[in-house]
Amino acid sequence: MEPVLLRIQETAKLLKVSKWTVYRWIEEGRLHATKIGRGSLRVFRTSVSTLIEASQVNHRSAQSGSRSKVPRLRIVGQNRKK
């Protein structure tokens, strides 16, 4: 089965970001892309879906109170309040 490839602008529209953000995410490895012809980039639809799913999971985790699991900071030293 052939992979579905999206243009940069299509990807930006799906993710509701600018095309420059899409280019940056490709450079960072957050999105996977390939060159076609003389250098036209196409983004793999599966990588877009993966990014969307990951952001939804992270969003749900943040809403479910995951902040309460963050360890508290303990201040030590001479200038701490007693």
PDB file of N, CA and C in Angstrom:
ATOM      1  N   MET A   1       0.845  -1.187   0.000  1.00  0.00           N
ATOM      2  CA  MET A   1       0.000   0.000   0.000  1.00  0.00           C
ATOM      3  C   MET A   1       0.886   1.245   0.000  1.00  0.00           C
ATOM      4  N   GLU A   2       0.598   2.152  -0.888  1.00  0.00           N
ATOM      5  CA  GLU A   2       1.369   3.388  -1.013  1.00  0.00           C
ATOM      6  C   GLU A   2       1.107   4.306   0.178  1.00  0.00           C
ATOM      7  N   PRO A   3       2.154   4.936   0.714  1.00  0.00           N
ATOM      8  CA  PRO A   3       1.925   5.892   1.802  1.00  0.00           C
ATOM      9  C   PRO A   3       1.242   7.156   1.271  1.00  0.00           C
ATOM     10  N   VAL A   4       0.395   7.740   2.090  1.00  0.00           N
ATOM     11  CA  VAL A   4      -0.278   8.987   1.713  1.00  0.00           C
ATOM     12  C   VAL A   4       0.669  10.137   2.032  1.00  0.00           C
ATOM     13  N   LEU A   5       0.893  10.984   1.044  1.00  0.00           N
ATOM     14  CA  LEU A   5       1.787  12.126   1.201  1.00  0.00           C
ATOM     15  C   LEU A   5       0.989  13.418   1.111  1.00  0.00           C
ATOM     16  N   LEU A   6       1.338  14.366   1.968  1.00  0.00           N
ATOM     17  CA  LEU A   6       0.651  15.659   2.009  1.00  0.00           C
ATOM     18  C   LEU A   6       1.616  16.779   1.653  1.00  0.00           C
ATOM     19  N   ARG A   7       1.105  17.801   0.995  1.00  0.00           N
ATOM     20  CA  ARG A   7       1.898  19.004   0.739  1.00  0.00           C
ATOM     21  C   ARG A   7       2.100  19.739   2.065  1.00  0.00           C
ATOM     22  N   ILE A   8       3.095  20.597   2.084  1.00  0.00           N
ATOM     23  CA  ILE A   8       3.402  21.363   3.296  1.00  0.00           C
ATOM     24  C   ILE A   8       2.190  22.183   3.729  1.00  0.00           C
ATOM     25  N   GLN A   9       1.551  22.861   2.782  1.00  0.00           N
ATOM     26  CA  GLN A   9       0.394  23.708   3.100  1.00  0.00           C
ATOM     27  C   GLN A   9      -0.770  22.877   3.637  1.00  0.00           C
ATOM     28  N   GLU A  10      -0.988  21.697   3.073  1.00  0.00           N
ATOM     29  CA  GLU A  10      -2.050  20.808   3.564  1.00  0.00           C
ATOM     30  C   GLU A  10      -1.765  20.371   5.002  1.00  0.00           C
ATOM     31  N   THR A  11      -0.506  20.060   5.255  1.00  0.00           N
ATOM     32  CA  THR A  11      -0.094  19.650   6.597  1.00  0.00           C
ATOM     33  C   THR A  11      -0.310  20.784   7.590  1.00  0.00           C
ATOM     34  N   ALA A  12       0.081  21.992   7.197  1.00  0.00           N
ATOM     35  CA  ALA A  12      -0.094  23.155   8.070  1.00  0.00           C
ATOM     36  C   ALA A  12      -1.568  23.379   8.394  1.00  0.00           C
ATOM     37  N   LYS A  13      -2.410  23.220   7.404  1.00  0.00           N
ATOM     38  CA  LYS A  13      -3.849  23.412   7.610  1.00  0.00           C
ATOM     39  C   LYS A  13      -4.413  22.356   8.566  1.00  0.00           C
ATOM     40  N   LEU A  14      -4.013  21.109   8.385  1.00  0.00           N
ATOM     41  CA  LEU A  14      -4.479  20.035   9.270  1.00  0.00           C
ATOM     42  C   LEU A  14      -4.056  20.260  10.720  1.00  0.00           C
ATOM     43  N   LEU A  15      -2.818  20.734  10.891  1.00  0.00           N
ATOM     44  CA  LEU A  15      -2.272  20.924  12.234  1.00  0.00           C
ATOM     45  C   LEU A  15      -2.568  22.307  12.812  1.00  0.00           C
ATOM     46  N   LYS A  16      -3.153  23.172  11.988  1.00  0.00           N
ATOM     47  CA  LYS A  16      -3.484  24.546  12.393  1.00  0.00           C
ATOM     48  C   LYS A  16      -2.245  25.314  12.854  1.00  0.00           C
ATOM     49  N   VAL A  17      -1.198  25.202  12.034  1.00  0.00           N
ATOM     50  CA  VAL A  17       0.049  25.927  12.267  1.00  0.00           C
ATOM     51  C   VAL A  17       0.502  26.531  10.938  1.00  0.00           C
ATOM     52  N   SER A  18       1.545  27.344  10.987  1.00  0.00           N
ATOM     53  CA  SER A  18       2.068  27.929   9.752  1.00  0.00           C
ATOM     54  C   SER A  18       2.924  26.907   9.002  1.00  0.00           C
ATOM     55  N   LYS A  19       3.153  27.195   7.732  1.00  0.00           N
ATOM     56  CA  LYS A  19       4.004  26.293   6.953  1.00  0.00           C
ATOM     57  C   LYS A  19       5.432  26.301   7.488  1.00  0.00           C
ATOM     58  N   TRP A  20       5.834  27.416   8.086  1.00  0.00           N
ATOM     59  CA  TRP A  20       7.184  27.512   8.654  1.00  0.00           C
ATOM     60  C   TRP A  20       7.326  26.602   9.869  1.00  0.00           C
ATOM     61  N   THR A  21       6.256  26.456  10.625  1.00  0.00           N
ATOM     62  CA  THR A  21       6.265  25.525  11.753  1.00  0.00           C
ATOM     63  C   THR A  21       6.399  24.094  11.244  1.00  0.00           C
ATOM     64  N   VAL A  22       5.718  23.786  10.155  1.00  0.00           N
ATOM     65  CA  VAL A  22       5.823  22.447   9.557  1.00  0.00           C
ATOM     66  C   VAL A  22       7.268  22.181   9.135  1.00  0.00           C
ATOM     67  N   TYR A  23       7.896  23.147   8.464  1.00  0.00           N
ATOM     68  CA  TYR A  23       9.295  22.979   8.066  1.00  0.00           C
ATOM     69  C   TYR A  23      10.186  22.751   9.288  1.00  0.00           C
ATOM     70  N   ARG A  24       9.966  23.524  10.345  1.00  0.00           N
ATOM     71  CA  ARG A  24      10.767  23.390  11.562  1.00  0.00           C
ATOM     72  C   ARG A  24      10.571  22.012  12.196  1.00  0.00           C
ATOM     73  N   TRP A  25       9.320  21.546  12.253  1.00  0.00           N
ATOM     74  CA  TRP A  25       9.037  20.238  12.836  1.00  0.00           C
ATOM     75  C   TRP A  25       9.665  19.112  12.017  1.00  0.00           C
ATOM     76  N   ILE A  26       9.762  19.310  10.708  1.00  0.00           N
ATOM     77  CA  ILE A  26      10.450  18.320   9.868  1.00  0.00           C
ATOM     78  C   ILE A  26      11.930  18.291  10.234  1.00  0.00           C
ATOM     79  N   GLU A  27      12.551  19.463  10.371  1.00  0.00           N
ATOM     80  CA  GLU A  27      13.962  19.546  10.750  1.00  0.00           C
ATOM     81  C   GLU A  27      14.207  18.932  12.117  1.00  0.00           C
ATOM     82  N   GLU A  28      13.264  19.138  13.053  1.00  0.00           N
ATOM     83  CA  GLU A  28      13.400  18.611  14.415  1.00  0.00           C
ATOM     84  C   GLU A  28      13.092  17.121  14.499  1.00  0.00           C
ATOM     85  N   GLY A  29      12.502  16.562  13.442  1.00  0.00           N
ATOM     86  CA  GLY A  29      12.161  15.150  13.449  1.00  0.00           C
ATOM     87  C   GLY A  29      10.784  14.834  14.001  1.00  0.00           C
ATOM     88  N   ARG A  30      10.001  15.860  14.297  1.00  0.00           N
ATOM     89  CA  ARG A  30       8.646  15.639  14.807  1.00  0.00           C
ATOM     90  C   ARG A  30       7.703  15.174  13.707  1.00  0.00           C
ATOM     91  N   LEU A  31       8.004  15.562  12.465  1.00  0.00           N
ATOM     92  CA  LEU A  31       7.253  15.111  11.291  1.00  0.00           C
ATOM     93  C   LEU A  31       8.236  14.453  10.329  1.00  0.00           C
ATOM     94  N   HIS A  32       7.773  13.433   9.640  1.00  0.00           N
ATOM     95  CA  HIS A  32       8.615  12.742   8.664  1.00  0.00           C
ATOM     96  C   HIS A  32       8.168  13.130   7.260  1.00  0.00           C
ATOM     97  N   ALA A  33       9.161  13.474   6.434  1.00  0.00           N
ATOM     98  CA  ALA A  33       8.863  13.940   5.080  1.00  0.00           C
ATOM     99  C   ALA A  33       9.847  13.328   4.097  1.00  0.00           C
ATOM    100  N   THR A  34       9.533  13.473   2.827  1.00  0.00           N
ATOM    101  CA  THR A  34      10.402  12.992   1.763  1.00  0.00           C
ATOM    102  C   THR A  34      10.410  14.012   0.631  1.00  0.00           C
ATOM    103  N   LYS A  35      11.496  14.016  -0.125  1.00  0.00           N
ATOM    104  CA  LYS A  35      11.579  14.910  -1.282  1.00  0.00           C
ATOM    105  C   LYS A  35      11.047  14.192  -2.507  1.00  0.00           C
ATOM    106  N   ILE A  36      10.336  14.938  -3.315  1.00  0.00           N
ATOM    107  CA  ILE A  36       9.795  14.403  -4.565  1.00  0.00           C
ATOM    108  C   ILE A  36      10.288  15.294  -5.698  1.00  0.00           C
ATOM    109  N   GLY A  37      10.762  14.680  -6.752  1.00  0.00           N
ATOM    110  CA  GLY A  37      11.202  15.451  -7.913  1.00  0.00           C
ATOM    111  C   GLY A  37      12.385  16.337  -7.607  1.00  0.00           C
ATOM    112  N   ARG A  38      12.250  17.603  -7.924  1.00  0.00           N
ATOM    113  CA  ARG A  38      13.350  18.553  -7.771  1.00  0.00           C
ATOM    114  C   ARG A  38      13.437  19.164  -6.384  1.00  0.00           C
ATOM    115  N   GLY A  39      12.903  18.507  -5.403  1.00  0.00           N
ATOM    116  CA  GLY A  39      13.060  19.008  -4.047  1.00  0.00           C
ATOM    117  C   GLY A  39      11.774  19.380  -3.354  1.00  0.00           C
ATOM    118  N   SER A  40      10.633  19.109  -3.971  1.00  0.00           N
ATOM    119  CA  SER A  40       9.359  19.372  -3.301  1.00  0.00           C
ATOM    120  C   SER A  40       9.214  18.418  -2.124  1.00  0.00           C
ATOM    121  N   LEU A  41       8.947  18.967  -0.960  1.00  0.00           N
ATOM    122  CA  LEU A  41       8.775  18.141   0.232  1.00  0.00           C
ATOM    123  C   LEU A  41       7.340  17.673   0.355  1.00  0.00           C
ATOM    124  N   ARG A  42       7.175  16.443   0.779  1.00  0.00           N
ATOM    125  CA  ARG A  42       5.860  15.890   1.089  1.00  0.00           C
ATOM    126  C   ARG A  42       5.954  15.241   2.464  1.00  0.00           C
ATOM    127  N   VAL A  43       4.918  15.430   3.250  1.00  0.00           N
ATOM    128  CA  VAL A  43       4.880  14.910   4.614  1.00  0.00           C
ATOM    129  C   VAL A  43       4.051  13.632   4.627  1.00  0.00           C
ATOM    130  N   PHE A  44       4.545  12.623   5.322  1.00  0.00           N
ATOM    131  CA  PHE A  44       3.803  11.376   5.453  1.00  0.00           C
ATOM    132  C   PHE A  44       2.592  11.596   6.352  1.00  0.00           C
ATOM    133  N   ARG A  45       1.428  11.202   5.857  1.00  0.00           N
ATOM    134  CA  ARG A  45       0.172  11.367   6.608  1.00  0.00           C
ATOM    135  C   ARG A  45       0.234  10.643   7.951  1.00  0.00           C
ATOM    136  N   THR A  46       0.903   9.513   7.985  1.00  0.00           N
ATOM    137  CA  THR A  46       1.006   8.760   9.240  1.00  0.00           C
ATOM    138  C   THR A  46       1.740   9.550  10.314  1.00  0.00           C
ATOM    139  N   SER A  47       2.739  10.341   9.929  1.00  0.00           N
ATOM    140  CA  SER A  47       3.464  11.130  10.929  1.00  0.00           C
ATOM    141  C   SER A  47       2.603  12.277  11.447  1.00  0.00           C
ATOM    142  N   VAL A  48       1.724  12.811  10.584  1.00  0.00           N
ATOM    143  CA  VAL A  48       0.787  13.853  11.021  1.00  0.00           C
ATOM    144  C   VAL A  48      -0.199  13.255  12.023  1.00  0.00           C
ATOM    145  N   SER A  49      -0.730  12.088  11.713  1.00  0.00           N
ATOM    146  CA  SER A  49      -1.671  11.415  12.615  1.00  0.00           C
ATOM    147  C   SER A  49      -1.024  11.104  13.956  1.00  0.00           C
ATOM    148  N   THR A  50       0.216  10.641  13.918  1.00  0.00           N
ATOM    149  CA  THR A  50       0.946  10.331  15.147  1.00  0.00           C
ATOM    150  C   THR A  50       1.141  11.577  15.994  1.00  0.00           C
ATOM    151  N   LEU A  51       1.490  12.691  15.355  1.00  0.00           N
ATOM    152  CA  LEU A  51       1.687  13.943  16.082  1.00  0.00           C
ATOM    153  C   LEU A  51       0.385  14.423  16.712  1.00  0.00           C
ATOM    154  N   ILE A  52      -0.714  14.317  15.986  1.00  0.00           N
ATOM    155  CA  ILE A  52      -2.020  14.724  16.512  1.00  0.00           C
ATOM    156  C   ILE A  52      -2.398  13.854  17.709  1.00  0.00           C
ATOM    157  N   GLU A  53      -2.239  12.548  17.581  1.00  0.00           N
ATOM    158  CA  GLU A  53      -2.573  11.638  18.680  1.00  0.00           C
ATOM    159  C   GLU A  53      -1.720  11.916  19.907  1.00  0.00           C
ATOM    160  N   ALA A  54      -0.430  12.154  19.707  1.00  0.00           N
ATOM    161  CA  ALA A  54       0.468  12.434  20.829  1.00  0.00           C
ATOM    162  C   ALA A  54       0.077  13.721  21.535  1.00  0.00           C
ATOM    163  N   SER A  55      -0.315  14.736  20.780  1.00  0.00           N
ATOM    164  CA  SER A  55      -0.696  16.004  21.407  1.00  0.00           C
ATOM    165  C   SER A  55      -2.004  15.859  22.170  1.00  0.00           C
ATOM    166  N   GLN A  56      -2.910  15.012  21.696  1.00  0.00           N
ATOM    167  CA  GLN A  56      -4.163  14.777  22.411  1.00  0.00           C
ATOM    168  C   GLN A  56      -3.906  14.033  23.710  1.00  0.00           C
ATOM    169  N   VAL A  57      -3.012  13.069  23.698  1.00  0.00           N
ATOM    170  CA  VAL A  57      -2.672  12.326  24.913  1.00  0.00           C
ATOM    171  C   VAL A  57      -2.028  13.260  25.922  1.00  0.00           C
ATOM    172  N   ASN A  58      -1.087  14.097  25.480  1.00  0.00           N
ATOM    173  CA  ASN A  58      -0.428  15.045  26.379  1.00  0.00           C
ATOM    174  C   ASN A  58      -1.427  16.036  26.946  1.00  0.00           C
ATOM    175  N   HIS A  59      -2.378  16.471  26.130  1.00  0.00           N
ATOM    176  CA  HIS A  59      -3.387  17.422  26.585  1.00  0.00           C
ATOM    177  C   HIS A  59      -4.267  16.782  27.653  1.00  0.00           C
ATOM    178  N   ARG A  60      -4.682  15.532  27.429  1.00  0.00           N
ATOM    179  CA  ARG A  60      -5.508  14.821  28.410  1.00  0.00           C
ATOM    180  C   ARG A  60      -4.743  14.608  29.707  1.00  0.00           C
ATOM    181  N   SER A  61      -3.472  14.293  29.629  1.00  0.00           N
ATOM    182  CA  SER A  61      -2.663  14.083  30.827  1.00  0.00           C
ATOM    183  C   SER A  61      -2.566  15.360  31.643  1.00  0.00           C
ATOM    184  N   ALA A  62      -2.412  16.479  30.964  1.00  0.00           N
ATOM    185  CA  ALA A  62      -2.313  17.763  31.659  1.00  0.00           C
ATOM    186  C   ALA A  62      -3.620  18.106  32.353  1.00  0.00           C
ATOM    187  N   GLN A  63      -4.743  17.752  31.748  1.00  0.00           N
ATOM    188  CA  GLN A  63      -6.038  18.050  32.341  1.00  0.00           C
ATOM    189  C   GLN A  63      -6.372  17.128  33.501  1.00  0.00           C
ATOM    190  N   SER A  64      -5.806  15.948  33.545  1.00  0.00           N
ATOM    191  CA  SER A  64      -6.169  14.979  34.569  1.00  0.00           C
ATOM    192  C   SER A  64      -5.418  15.175  35.874  1.00  0.00           C
ATOM    193  N   GLY A  65      -4.687  16.259  35.997  1.00  0.00           N
ATOM    194  CA  GLY A  65      -4.027  16.558  37.259  1.00  0.00           C
ATOM    195  C   GLY A  65      -2.634  15.989  37.380  1.00  0.00           C
ATOM    196  N   SER A  66      -1.957  15.806  36.282  1.00  0.00           N
ATOM    197  CA  SER A  66      -0.607  15.258  36.348  1.00  0.00           C
ATOM    198  C   SER A  66       0.355  16.222  37.042  1.00  0.00           C
ATOM    199  N   ARG A  67      -0.044  17.470  37.186  1.00  0.00           N
ATOM    200  CA  ARG A  67       0.813  18.436  37.871  1.00  0.00           C
ATOM    201  C   ARG A  67       1.023  18.055  39.330  1.00  0.00           C
ATOM    202  N   SER A  68       0.021  17.432  39.931  1.00  0.00           N
ATOM    203  CA  SER A  68       0.142  17.065  41.335  1.00  0.00           C
ATOM    204  C   SER A  68       1.224  16.010  41.551  1.00  0.00           C
ATOM    205  N   LYS A  69       1.645  15.332  40.502  1.00  0.00           N
ATOM    206  CA  LYS A  69       2.672  14.309  40.612  1.00  0.00           C
ATOM    207  C   LYS A  69       4.080  14.881  40.484  1.00  0.00           C
ATOM    208  N   VAL A  70       4.180  16.172  40.211  1.00  0.00           N
ATOM    209  CA  VAL A  70       5.479  16.811  40.081  1.00  0.00           C
ATOM    210  C   VAL A  70       6.058  16.997  41.476  1.00  0.00           C
ATOM    211  N   PRO A  71       7.285  16.556  41.710  1.00  0.00           N
ATOM    212  CA  PRO A  71       7.858  16.699  43.053  1.00  0.00           C
ATOM    213  C   PRO A  71       8.024  18.162  43.437  1.00  0.00           C
ATOM    214  N   ARG A  72       7.819  18.435  44.687  1.00  0.00           N
ATOM    215  CA  ARG A  72       7.987  19.794  45.212  1.00  0.00           C
ATOM    216  C   ARG A  72       9.476  20.122  45.312  1.00  0.00           C
ATOM    217  N   LEU A  73       9.788  21.391  45.183  1.00  0.00           N
ATOM    218  CA  LEU A  73      11.170  21.824  45.338  1.00  0.00           C
ATOM    219  C   LEU A  73      11.467  22.032  46.814  1.00  0.00           C
ATOM    220  N   ARG A  74      12.631  21.643  47.212  1.00  0.00           N
ATOM    221  CA  ARG A  74      13.042  21.837  48.598  1.00  0.00           C
ATOM    222  C   ARG A  74      14.221  22.788  48.588  1.00  0.00           C
ATOM    223  N   ILE A  75      14.081  23.902  49.285  1.00  0.00           N
ATOM    224  CA  ILE A  75      15.125  24.921  49.298  1.00  0.00           C
ATOM    225  C   ILE A  75      16.055  24.639  50.468  1.00  0.00           C
ATOM    226  N   VAL A  76      17.331  24.585  50.187  1.00  0.00           N
ATOM    227  CA  VAL A  76      18.326  24.368  51.238  1.00  0.00           C
ATOM    228  C   VAL A  76      19.381  25.442  51.120  1.00  0.00           C
ATOM    229  N   GLY A  77      20.016  25.753  52.228  1.00  0.00           N
ATOM    230  CA  GLY A  77      21.058  26.760  52.194  1.00  0.00           C
ATOM    231  C   GLY A  77      20.871  27.788  53.287  1.00  0.00           C
ATOM    232  N   GLN A  78      21.717  28.781  53.312  1.00  0.00           N
ATOM    233  CA  GLN A  78      21.729  29.780  54.368  1.00  0.00           C
ATOM    234  C   GLN A  78      20.574  30.763  54.276  1.00  0.00           C
ATOM    235  N   ASN A  79      20.118  31.094  53.083  1.00  0.00           N
ATOM    236  CA  ASN A  79      19.130  32.153  52.911  1.00  0.00           C
ATOM    237  C   ASN A  79      17.688  31.664  52.943  1.00  0.00           C
ATOM    238  N   ARG A  80      17.455  30.432  53.306  1.00  0.00           N
ATOM    239  CA  ARG A  80      16.083  29.928  53.301  1.00  0.00           C
ATOM    240  C   ARG A  80      15.317  30.432  54.507  1.00  0.00           C
ATOM    241  N   LYS A  81      14.011  30.583  54.353  1.00  0.00           N
ATOM    242  CA  LYS A  81      13.156  31.031  55.448  1.00  0.00           C
ATOM    243  C   LYS A  81      12.881  29.862  56.373  1.00  0.00           C
ATOM    244  N   LYS A  82      12.808  30.150  57.658  1.00  0.00           N
ATOM    245  CA  LYS A  82      12.549  29.092  58.639  1.00  0.00           C
ATOM    246  C   LYS A  82      11.103  29.003  58.995  1.00  0.00           C
TER     247      LYS A  82
END
